[in-house]
Amino acid sequence: PKIKDMDTYITKWWKWWKGINPVWCKQSGSEQLTMEGSGDWDTLHITGANSTLSVLVSLWFWREHISNTSPTLQSWNEAVKDINW
């Protein structure tokens, strides 16, 4: 399937990704996730149809729909960096 509205897809992806991250990764009053500290990662241990594999598949799907010169490539790179942390 084709992504009809890339901006909406990106906004929803980040909301979903932030929602499944541990509370300690979320900075108070900020939209950004923190890449420091430590804590329990159990919230990312998702099984079933919406498993953590969904994170990788959704990133692959996103990347397949943007060009190397797309302004949304930066957001995709940030997402990849974040899931690698």
PDB file of N, CA and C in Angstrom:
ATOM      1  N   PRO A   1       0.821  -1.204   0.000  1.00  0.00           N
ATOM      2  CA  PRO A   1       0.000   0.000   0.000  1.00  0.00           C
ATOM      3  C   PRO A   1       0.857   1.256   0.000  1.00  0.00           C
ATOM      4  N   LYS A   2       0.296   2.295  -0.498  1.00  0.00           N
ATOM      5  CA  LYS A   2       0.999   3.566  -0.578  1.00  0.00           C
ATOM      6  C   LYS A   2       0.635   4.444   0.622  1.00  0.00           C
ATOM      7  N   ILE A   3       1.615   5.208   1.105  1.00  0.00           N
ATOM      8  CA  ILE A   3       1.349   6.179   2.162  1.00  0.00           C
ATOM      9  C   ILE A   3       0.779   7.419   1.486  1.00  0.00           C
ATOM     10  N   LYS A   4      -0.458   7.751   1.797  1.00  0.00           N
ATOM     11  CA  LYS A   4      -1.122   8.875   1.133  1.00  0.00           C
ATOM     12  C   LYS A   4      -0.672  10.220   1.681  1.00  0.00           C
ATOM     13  N   ASP A   5      -0.419  10.285   2.973  1.00  0.00           N
ATOM     14  CA  ASP A   5      -0.012  11.538   3.610  1.00  0.00           C
ATOM     15  C   ASP A   5       1.192  11.257   4.507  1.00  0.00           C
ATOM     16  N   MET A   6       2.386  11.515   3.988  1.00  0.00           N
ATOM     17  CA  MET A   6       3.614  11.191   4.710  1.00  0.00           C
ATOM     18  C   MET A   6       3.712  11.932   6.035  1.00  0.00           C
ATOM     19  N   ASP A   7       3.320  13.192   6.075  1.00  0.00           N
ATOM     20  CA  ASP A   7       3.398  13.950   7.330  1.00  0.00           C
ATOM     21  C   ASP A   7       2.535  13.317   8.416  1.00  0.00           C
ATOM     22  N   THR A   8       1.350  12.874   8.047  1.00  0.00           N
ATOM     23  CA  THR A   8       0.470  12.210   9.014  1.00  0.00           C
ATOM     24  C   THR A   8       1.079  10.891   9.471  1.00  0.00           C
ATOM     25  N   TYR A   9       1.636  10.124   8.539  1.00  0.00           N
ATOM     26  CA  TYR A   9       2.279   8.855   8.889  1.00  0.00           C
ATOM     27  C   TYR A   9       3.398   9.090   9.895  1.00  0.00           C
ATOM     28  N   ILE A  10       4.234  10.081   9.634  1.00  0.00           N
ATOM     29  CA  ILE A  10       5.368  10.373  10.513  1.00  0.00           C
ATOM     30  C   ILE A  10       4.885  10.804  11.890  1.00  0.00           C
ATOM     31  N   THR A  11       3.912  11.684  11.935  1.00  0.00           N
ATOM     32  CA  THR A  11       3.377  12.148  13.220  1.00  0.00           C
ATOM     33  C   THR A  11       2.815  10.984  14.025  1.00  0.00           C
ATOM     34  N   LYS A  12       2.046  10.143  13.362  1.00  0.00           N
ATOM     35  CA  LYS A  12       1.458   8.990  14.053  1.00  0.00           C
ATOM     36  C   LYS A  12       2.524   7.981  14.457  1.00  0.00           C
ATOM     37  N   TRP A  13       3.546   7.796  13.620  1.00  0.00           N
ATOM     38  CA  TRP A  13       4.618   6.853  13.961  1.00  0.00           C
ATOM     39  C   TRP A  13       5.326   7.298  15.234  1.00  0.00           C
ATOM     40  N   TRP A  14       5.708   8.592  15.295  1.00  0.00           N
ATOM     41  CA  TRP A  14       6.406   9.097  16.477  1.00  0.00           C
ATOM     42  C   TRP A  14       5.526   9.007  17.721  1.00  0.00           C
ATOM     43  N   LYS A  15       4.254   9.286  17.596  1.00  0.00           N
ATOM     44  CA  LYS A  15       3.336   9.184  18.739  1.00  0.00           C
ATOM     45  C   LYS A  15       3.278   7.737  19.229  1.00  0.00           C
ATOM     46  N   TRP A  16       3.166   6.794  18.305  1.00  0.00           N
ATOM     47  CA  TRP A  16       3.129   5.374  18.654  1.00  0.00           C
ATOM     48  C   TRP A  16       4.448   4.948  19.301  1.00  0.00           C
ATOM     49  N   TRP A  17       5.565   5.318  18.681  1.00  0.00           N
ATOM     50  CA  TRP A  17       6.874   4.929  19.197  1.00  0.00           C
ATOM     51  C   TRP A  17       7.097   5.487  20.600  1.00  0.00           C
ATOM     52  N   LYS A  18       6.781   6.742  20.815  1.00  0.00           N
ATOM     53  CA  LYS A  18       6.943   7.345  22.138  1.00  0.00           C
ATOM     54  C   LYS A  18       6.018   6.685  23.148  1.00  0.00           C
ATOM     55  N   GLY A  19       4.846   6.282  22.685  1.00  0.00           N
ATOM     56  CA  GLY A  19       3.879   5.655  23.576  1.00  0.00           C
ATOM     57  C   GLY A  19       4.303   4.297  24.090  1.00  0.00           C
ATOM     58  N   ILE A  20       5.098   3.557  23.320  1.00  0.00           N
ATOM     59  CA  ILE A  20       5.518   2.229  23.773  1.00  0.00           C
ATOM     60  C   ILE A  20       6.859   2.253  24.496  1.00  0.00           C
ATOM     61  N   ASN A  21       7.515   3.401  24.530  1.00  0.00           N
ATOM     62  CA  ASN A  21       8.789   3.514  25.242  1.00  0.00           C
ATOM     63  C   ASN A  21       8.563   3.631  26.742  1.00  0.00           C
ATOM     64  N   PRO A  22       9.555   3.234  27.538  1.00  0.00           N
ATOM     65  CA  PRO A  22       9.429   3.355  28.992  1.00  0.00           C
ATOM     66  C   PRO A  22       9.268   4.815  29.420  1.00  0.00           C
ATOM     67  N   VAL A  23       8.583   5.012  30.518  1.00  0.00           N
ATOM     68  CA  VAL A  23       8.340   6.360  31.039  1.00  0.00           C
ATOM     69  C   VAL A  23       9.649   7.099  31.271  1.00  0.00           C
ATOM     70  N   TRP A  24      10.678   6.400  31.739  1.00  0.00           N
ATOM     71  CA  TRP A  24      11.934   7.080  32.072  1.00  0.00           C
ATOM     72  C   TRP A  24      12.655   7.620  30.831  1.00  0.00           C
ATOM     73  N   CYS A  25      12.253   7.196  29.635  1.00  0.00           N
ATOM     74  CA  CYS A  25      12.849   7.714  28.395  1.00  0.00           C
ATOM     75  C   CYS A  25      12.217   9.026  27.951  1.00  0.00           C
ATOM     76  N   LYS A  26      11.095   9.368  28.537  1.00  0.00           N
ATOM     77  CA  LYS A  26      10.351  10.549  28.117  1.00  0.00           C
ATOM     78  C   LYS A  26      10.741  11.733  28.980  1.00  0.00           C
ATOM     79  N   GLN A  27      11.205  12.796  28.341  1.00  0.00           N
ATOM     80  CA  GLN A  27      11.587  14.002  29.065  1.00  0.00           C
ATOM     81  C   GLN A  27      10.334  14.783  29.426  1.00  0.00           C
ATOM     82  N   SER A  28      10.290  15.243  30.644  1.00  0.00           N
ATOM     83  CA  SER A  28       9.151  16.028  31.103  1.00  0.00           C
ATOM     84  C   SER A  28       9.003  17.303  30.281  1.00  0.00           C
ATOM     85  N   GLY A  29       7.805  17.534  29.758  1.00  0.00           N
ATOM     86  CA  GLY A  29       7.521  18.747  29.003  1.00  0.00           C
ATOM     87  C   GLY A  29       8.136  18.792  27.619  1.00  0.00           C
ATOM     88  N   SER A  30       8.613  17.662  27.119  1.00  0.00           N
ATOM     89  CA  SER A  30       9.271  17.635  25.813  1.00  0.00           C
ATOM     90  C   SER A  30       8.675  16.535  24.951  1.00  0.00           C
ATOM     91  N   GLU A  31       8.734  16.736  23.653  1.00  0.00           N
ATOM     92  CA  GLU A  31       8.310  15.707  22.711  1.00  0.00           C
ATOM     93  C   GLU A  31       9.424  14.695  22.455  1.00  0.00           C
ATOM     94  N   GLN A  32      10.647  15.031  22.849  1.00  0.00           N
ATOM     95  CA  GLN A  32      11.807  14.192  22.567  1.00  0.00           C
ATOM     96  C   GLN A  32      11.944  13.062  23.585  1.00  0.00           C
ATOM     97  N   LEU A  33      12.497  11.960  23.122  1.00  0.00           N
ATOM     98  CA  LEU A  33      12.885  10.881  24.013  1.00  0.00           C
ATOM     99  C   LEU A  33      14.326  11.128  24.422  1.00  0.00           C
ATOM    100  N   THR A  34      14.643  10.789  25.658  1.00  0.00           N
ATOM    101  CA  THR A  34      16.010  10.978  26.116  1.00  0.00           C
ATOM    102  C   THR A  34      16.847   9.758  25.744  1.00  0.00           C
ATOM    103  N   MET A  35      18.102   9.988  25.414  1.00  0.00           N
ATOM    104  CA  MET A  35      19.008   8.890  25.071  1.00  0.00           C
ATOM    105  C   MET A  35      20.071   8.736  26.144  1.00  0.00           C
ATOM    106  N   GLU A  36      19.648   8.865  27.362  1.00  0.00           N
ATOM    107  CA  GLU A  36      20.575   8.670  28.472  1.00  0.00           C
ATOM    108  C   GLU A  36      19.797   8.097  29.635  1.00  0.00           C
ATOM    109  N   GLY A  37      20.530   7.579  30.581  1.00  0.00           N
ATOM    110  CA  GLY A  37      19.890   6.988  31.739  1.00  0.00           C
ATOM    111  C   GLY A  37      19.719   5.493  31.564  1.00  0.00           C
ATOM    112  N   SER A  38      19.082   4.916  32.537  1.00  0.00           N
ATOM    113  CA  SER A  38      18.834   3.481  32.477  1.00  0.00           C
ATOM    114  C   SER A  38      17.553   3.182  33.228  1.00  0.00           C
ATOM    115  N   GLY A  39      17.037   2.045  32.950  1.00  0.00           N
ATOM    116  CA  GLY A  39      15.801   1.628  33.585  1.00  0.00           C
ATOM    117  C   GLY A  39      15.290   0.365  32.926  1.00  0.00           C
ATOM    118  N   ASP A  40      14.083   0.028  33.246  1.00  0.00           N
ATOM    119  CA  ASP A  40      13.441  -1.175  32.753  1.00  0.00           C
ATOM    120  C   ASP A  40      12.946  -0.972  31.319  1.00  0.00           C
ATOM    121  N   TRP A  41      13.250  -1.930  30.450  1.00  0.00           N
ATOM    122  CA  TRP A  41      12.832  -1.861  29.046  1.00  0.00           C
ATOM    123  C   TRP A  41      11.639  -2.775  28.758  1.00  0.00           C
ATOM    124  N   ASP A  42      10.992  -3.291  29.786  1.00  0.00           N
ATOM    125  CA  ASP A  42       9.918  -4.264  29.587  1.00  0.00           C
ATOM    126  C   ASP A  42       8.769  -3.764  28.723  1.00  0.00           C
ATOM    127  N   THR A  43       8.534  -2.454  28.674  1.00  0.00           N
ATOM    128  CA  THR A  43       7.425  -1.956  27.855  1.00  0.00           C
ATOM    129  C   THR A  43       7.663  -2.218  26.371  1.00  0.00           C
ATOM    130  N   LEU A  44       8.916  -2.433  25.986  1.00  0.00           N
ATOM    131  CA  LEU A  44       9.213  -2.727  24.582  1.00  0.00           C
ATOM    132  C   LEU A  44       9.189  -4.225  24.277  1.00  0.00           C
ATOM    133  N   HIS A  45       8.940  -5.032  25.310  1.00  0.00           N
ATOM    134  CA  HIS A  45       8.808  -6.477  25.092  1.00  0.00           C
ATOM    135  C   HIS A  45       7.351  -6.751  24.725  1.00  0.00           C
ATOM    136  N   ILE A  46       7.067  -6.590  23.441  1.00  0.00           N
ATOM    137  CA  ILE A  46       5.701  -6.703  22.947  1.00  0.00           C
ATOM    138  C   ILE A  46       5.592  -7.999  22.150  1.00  0.00           C
ATOM    139  N   THR A  47       4.571  -8.768  22.428  1.00  0.00           N
ATOM    140  CA  THR A  47       4.370 -10.015  21.696  1.00  0.00           C
ATOM    141  C   THR A  47       3.091  -9.924  20.872  1.00  0.00           C
ATOM    142  N   GLY A  48       2.896 -10.885  20.022  1.00  0.00           N
ATOM    143  CA  GLY A  48       1.671 -10.930  19.230  1.00  0.00           C
ATOM    144  C   GLY A  48       1.789 -10.150  17.934  1.00  0.00           C
ATOM    145  N   ALA A  49       0.637  -9.788  17.390  1.00  0.00           N
ATOM    146  CA  ALA A  49       0.577  -9.124  16.084  1.00  0.00           C
ATOM    147  C   ALA A  49       1.288  -7.781  16.070  1.00  0.00           C
ATOM    148  N   ASN A  50       1.355  -7.109  17.188  1.00  0.00           N
ATOM    149  CA  ASN A  50       2.010  -5.800  17.263  1.00  0.00           C
ATOM    150  C   ASN A  50       3.340  -5.901  18.002  1.00  0.00           C
ATOM    151  N   SER A  51       4.100  -6.924  17.688  1.00  0.00           N
ATOM    152  CA  SER A  51       5.373  -7.162  18.358  1.00  0.00           C
ATOM    153  C   SER A  51       6.405  -6.104  17.988  1.00  0.00           C
ATOM    154  N   THR A  52       7.561  -6.199  18.625  1.00  0.00           N
ATOM    155  CA  THR A  52       8.626  -5.243  18.328  1.00  0.00           C
ATOM    156  C   THR A  52       9.067  -5.333  16.868  1.00  0.00           C
ATOM    157  N   LEU A  53       8.770  -6.431  16.220  1.00  0.00           N
ATOM    158  CA  LEU A  53       9.047  -6.528  14.787  1.00  0.00           C
ATOM    159  C   LEU A  53       8.277  -5.451  14.022  1.00  0.00           C
ATOM    160  N   SER A  54       7.137  -5.048  14.540  1.00  0.00           N
ATOM    161  CA  SER A  54       6.339  -3.989  13.908  1.00  0.00           C
ATOM    162  C   SER A  54       7.115  -2.686  13.817  1.00  0.00           C
ATOM    163  N   VAL A  55       7.983  -2.430  14.793  1.00  0.00           N
ATOM    164  CA  VAL A  55       8.798  -1.212  14.765  1.00  0.00           C
ATOM    165  C   VAL A  55       9.699  -1.240  13.535  1.00  0.00           C
ATOM    166  N   LEU A  56      10.374  -2.356  13.334  1.00  0.00           N
ATOM    167  CA  LEU A  56      11.280  -2.478  12.188  1.00  0.00           C
ATOM    168  C   LEU A  56      10.531  -2.442  10.861  1.00  0.00           C
ATOM    169  N   VAL A  57       9.425  -3.140  10.792  1.00  0.00           N
ATOM    170  CA  VAL A  57       8.642  -3.167   9.552  1.00  0.00           C
ATOM    171  C   VAL A  57       8.099  -1.778   9.233  1.00  0.00           C
ATOM    172  N   SER A  58       7.642  -1.065  10.250  1.00  0.00           N
ATOM    173  CA  SER A  58       7.101   0.279  10.006  1.00  0.00           C
ATOM    174  C   SER A  58       8.184   1.238   9.524  1.00  0.00           C
ATOM    175  N   LEU A  59       9.410   1.082  10.036  1.00  0.00           N
ATOM    176  CA  LEU A  59      10.520   1.909   9.554  1.00  0.00           C
ATOM    177  C   LEU A  59      10.892   1.548   8.120  1.00  0.00           C
ATOM    178  N   TRP A  60      10.900   0.263   7.829  1.00  0.00           N
ATOM    179  CA  TRP A  60      11.174  -0.165   6.459  1.00  0.00           C
ATOM    180  C   TRP A  60      10.114   0.397   5.519  1.00  0.00           C
ATOM    181  N   PHE A  61       8.850   0.283   5.889  1.00  0.00           N
ATOM    182  CA  PHE A  61       7.737   0.776   5.077  1.00  0.00           C
ATOM    183  C   PHE A  61       7.876   2.274   4.840  1.00  0.00           C
ATOM    184  N   TRP A  62       8.205   2.999   5.888  1.00  0.00           N
ATOM    185  CA  TRP A  62       8.404   4.450   5.812  1.00  0.00           C
ATOM    186  C   TRP A  62       9.505   4.766   4.807  1.00  0.00           C
ATOM    187  N   ARG A  63      10.659   4.090   4.951  1.00  0.00           N
ATOM    188  CA  ARG A  63      11.824   4.374   4.101  1.00  0.00           C
ATOM    189  C   ARG A  63      11.548   4.049   2.641  1.00  0.00           C
ATOM    190  N   GLU A  64      10.768   3.021   2.399  1.00  0.00           N
ATOM    191  CA  GLU A  64      10.425   2.642   1.029  1.00  0.00           C
ATOM    192  C   GLU A  64       9.617   3.719   0.313  1.00  0.00           C
ATOM    193  N   HIS A  65       9.010   4.608   1.075  1.00  0.00           N
ATOM    194  CA  HIS A  65       8.134   5.625   0.493  1.00  0.00           C
ATOM    195  C   HIS A  65       8.754   7.019   0.434  1.00  0.00           C
ATOM    196  N   ILE A  66      10.047   7.125   0.706  1.00  0.00           N
ATOM    197  CA  ILE A  66      10.703   8.433   0.614  1.00  0.00           C
ATOM    198  C   ILE A  66      11.972   8.312  -0.223  1.00  0.00           C
ATOM    199  N   SER A  67      12.318   9.399  -0.871  1.00  0.00           N
ATOM    200  CA  SER A  67      13.531   9.414  -1.692  1.00  0.00           C
ATOM    201  C   SER A  67      14.720   9.871  -0.848  1.00  0.00           C
ATOM    202  N   ASN A  68      15.904   9.734  -1.410  1.00  0.00           N
ATOM    203  CA  ASN A  68      17.119  10.163  -0.711  1.00  0.00           C
ATOM    204  C   ASN A  68      17.197  11.671  -0.545  1.00  0.00           C
ATOM    205  N   THR A  69      16.385  12.401  -1.275  1.00  0.00           N
ATOM    206  CA  THR A  69      16.383  13.865  -1.175  1.00  0.00           C
ATOM    207  C   THR A  69      15.134  14.397  -0.463  1.00  0.00           C
ATOM    208  N   SER A  70      14.338  13.507   0.054  1.00  0.00           N
ATOM    209  CA  SER A  70      13.098  13.911   0.727  1.00  0.00           C
ATOM    210  C   SER A  70      13.393  14.658   2.027  1.00  0.00           C
ATOM    211  N   PRO A  71      12.650  15.718   2.309  1.00  0.00           N
ATOM    212  CA  PRO A  71      12.835  16.426   3.578  1.00  0.00           C
ATOM    213  C   PRO A  71      12.458  15.559   4.781  1.00  0.00           C
ATOM    214  N   THR A  72      11.690  14.506   4.551  1.00  0.00           N
ATOM    215  CA  THR A  72      11.306  13.633   5.661  1.00  0.00           C
ATOM    216  C   THR A  72      12.376  12.592   5.989  1.00  0.00           C
ATOM    217  N   LEU A  73      13.421  12.530   5.184  1.00  0.00           N
ATOM    218  CA  LEU A  73      14.504  11.580   5.446  1.00  0.00           C
ATOM    219  C   LEU A  73      15.171  11.860   6.788  1.00  0.00           C
ATOM    220  N   GLN A  74      15.271  13.112   7.180  1.00  0.00           N
ATOM    221  CA  GLN A  74      15.887  13.455   8.461  1.00  0.00           C
ATOM    222  C   GLN A  74      15.101  12.841   9.623  1.00  0.00           C
ATOM    223  N   SER A  75      13.795  12.919   9.567  1.00  0.00           N
ATOM    224  CA  SER A  75      12.973  12.335  10.621  1.00  0.00           C
ATOM    225  C   SER A  75      13.146  10.820  10.661  1.00  0.00           C
ATOM    226  N   TRP A  76      13.239  10.195   9.484  1.00  0.00           N
ATOM    227  CA  TRP A  76      13.461   8.752   9.426  1.00  0.00           C
ATOM    228  C   TRP A  76      14.817   8.395  10.044  1.00  0.00           C
ATOM    229  N   ASN A  77      15.856   9.159   9.707  1.00  0.00           N
ATOM    230  CA  ASN A  77      17.184   8.918  10.285  1.00  0.00           C
ATOM    231  C   ASN A  77      17.160   9.069  11.802  1.00  0.00           C
ATOM    232  N   GLU A  78      16.425  10.053  12.303  1.00  0.00           N
ATOM    233  CA  GLU A  78      16.297  10.242  13.749  1.00  0.00           C
ATOM    234  C   GLU A  78      15.587   9.048  14.387  1.00  0.00           C
ATOM    235  N   ALA A  79      14.587   8.524  13.702  1.00  0.00           N
ATOM    236  CA  ALA A  79      13.868   7.357  14.215  1.00  0.00           C
ATOM    237  C   ALA A  79      14.792   6.140  14.289  1.00  0.00           C
ATOM    238  N   VAL A  80      15.572   5.922  13.246  1.00  0.00           N
ATOM    239  CA  VAL A  80      16.515   4.799  13.236  1.00  0.00           C
ATOM    240  C   VAL A  80      17.534   4.967  14.358  1.00  0.00           C
ATOM    241  N   LYS A  81      18.051   6.158  14.520  1.00  0.00           N
ATOM    242  CA  LYS A  81      19.006   6.433  15.598  1.00  0.00           C
ATOM    243  C   LYS A  81      18.371   6.141  16.952  1.00  0.00           C
ATOM    244  N   ASP A  82      17.126   6.550  17.120  1.00  0.00           N
ATOM    245  CA  ASP A  82      16.452   6.357  18.394  1.00  0.00           C
ATOM    246  C   ASP A  82      16.233   4.883  18.710  1.00  0.00           C
ATOM    247  N   ILE A  83      15.806   4.096  17.727  1.00  0.00           N
ATOM    248  CA  ILE A  83      15.571   2.683  18.040  1.00  0.00           C
ATOM    249  C   ILE A  83      16.879   1.922  18.235  1.00  0.00           C
ATOM    250  N   ASN A  84      17.970   2.449  17.703  1.00  0.00           N
ATOM    251  CA  ASN A  84      19.273   1.815  17.925  1.00  0.00           C
ATOM    252  C   ASN A  84      19.837   2.093  19.306  1.00  0.00           C
ATOM    253  N   TRP A  85      19.357   3.150  19.949  1.00  0.00           N
ATOM    254  CA  TRP A  85      19.869   3.475  21.260  1.00  0.00           C
ATOM    255  C   TRP A  85      19.406   2.421  22.220  1.00  0.00           C
TER     256      TRP A  85
END
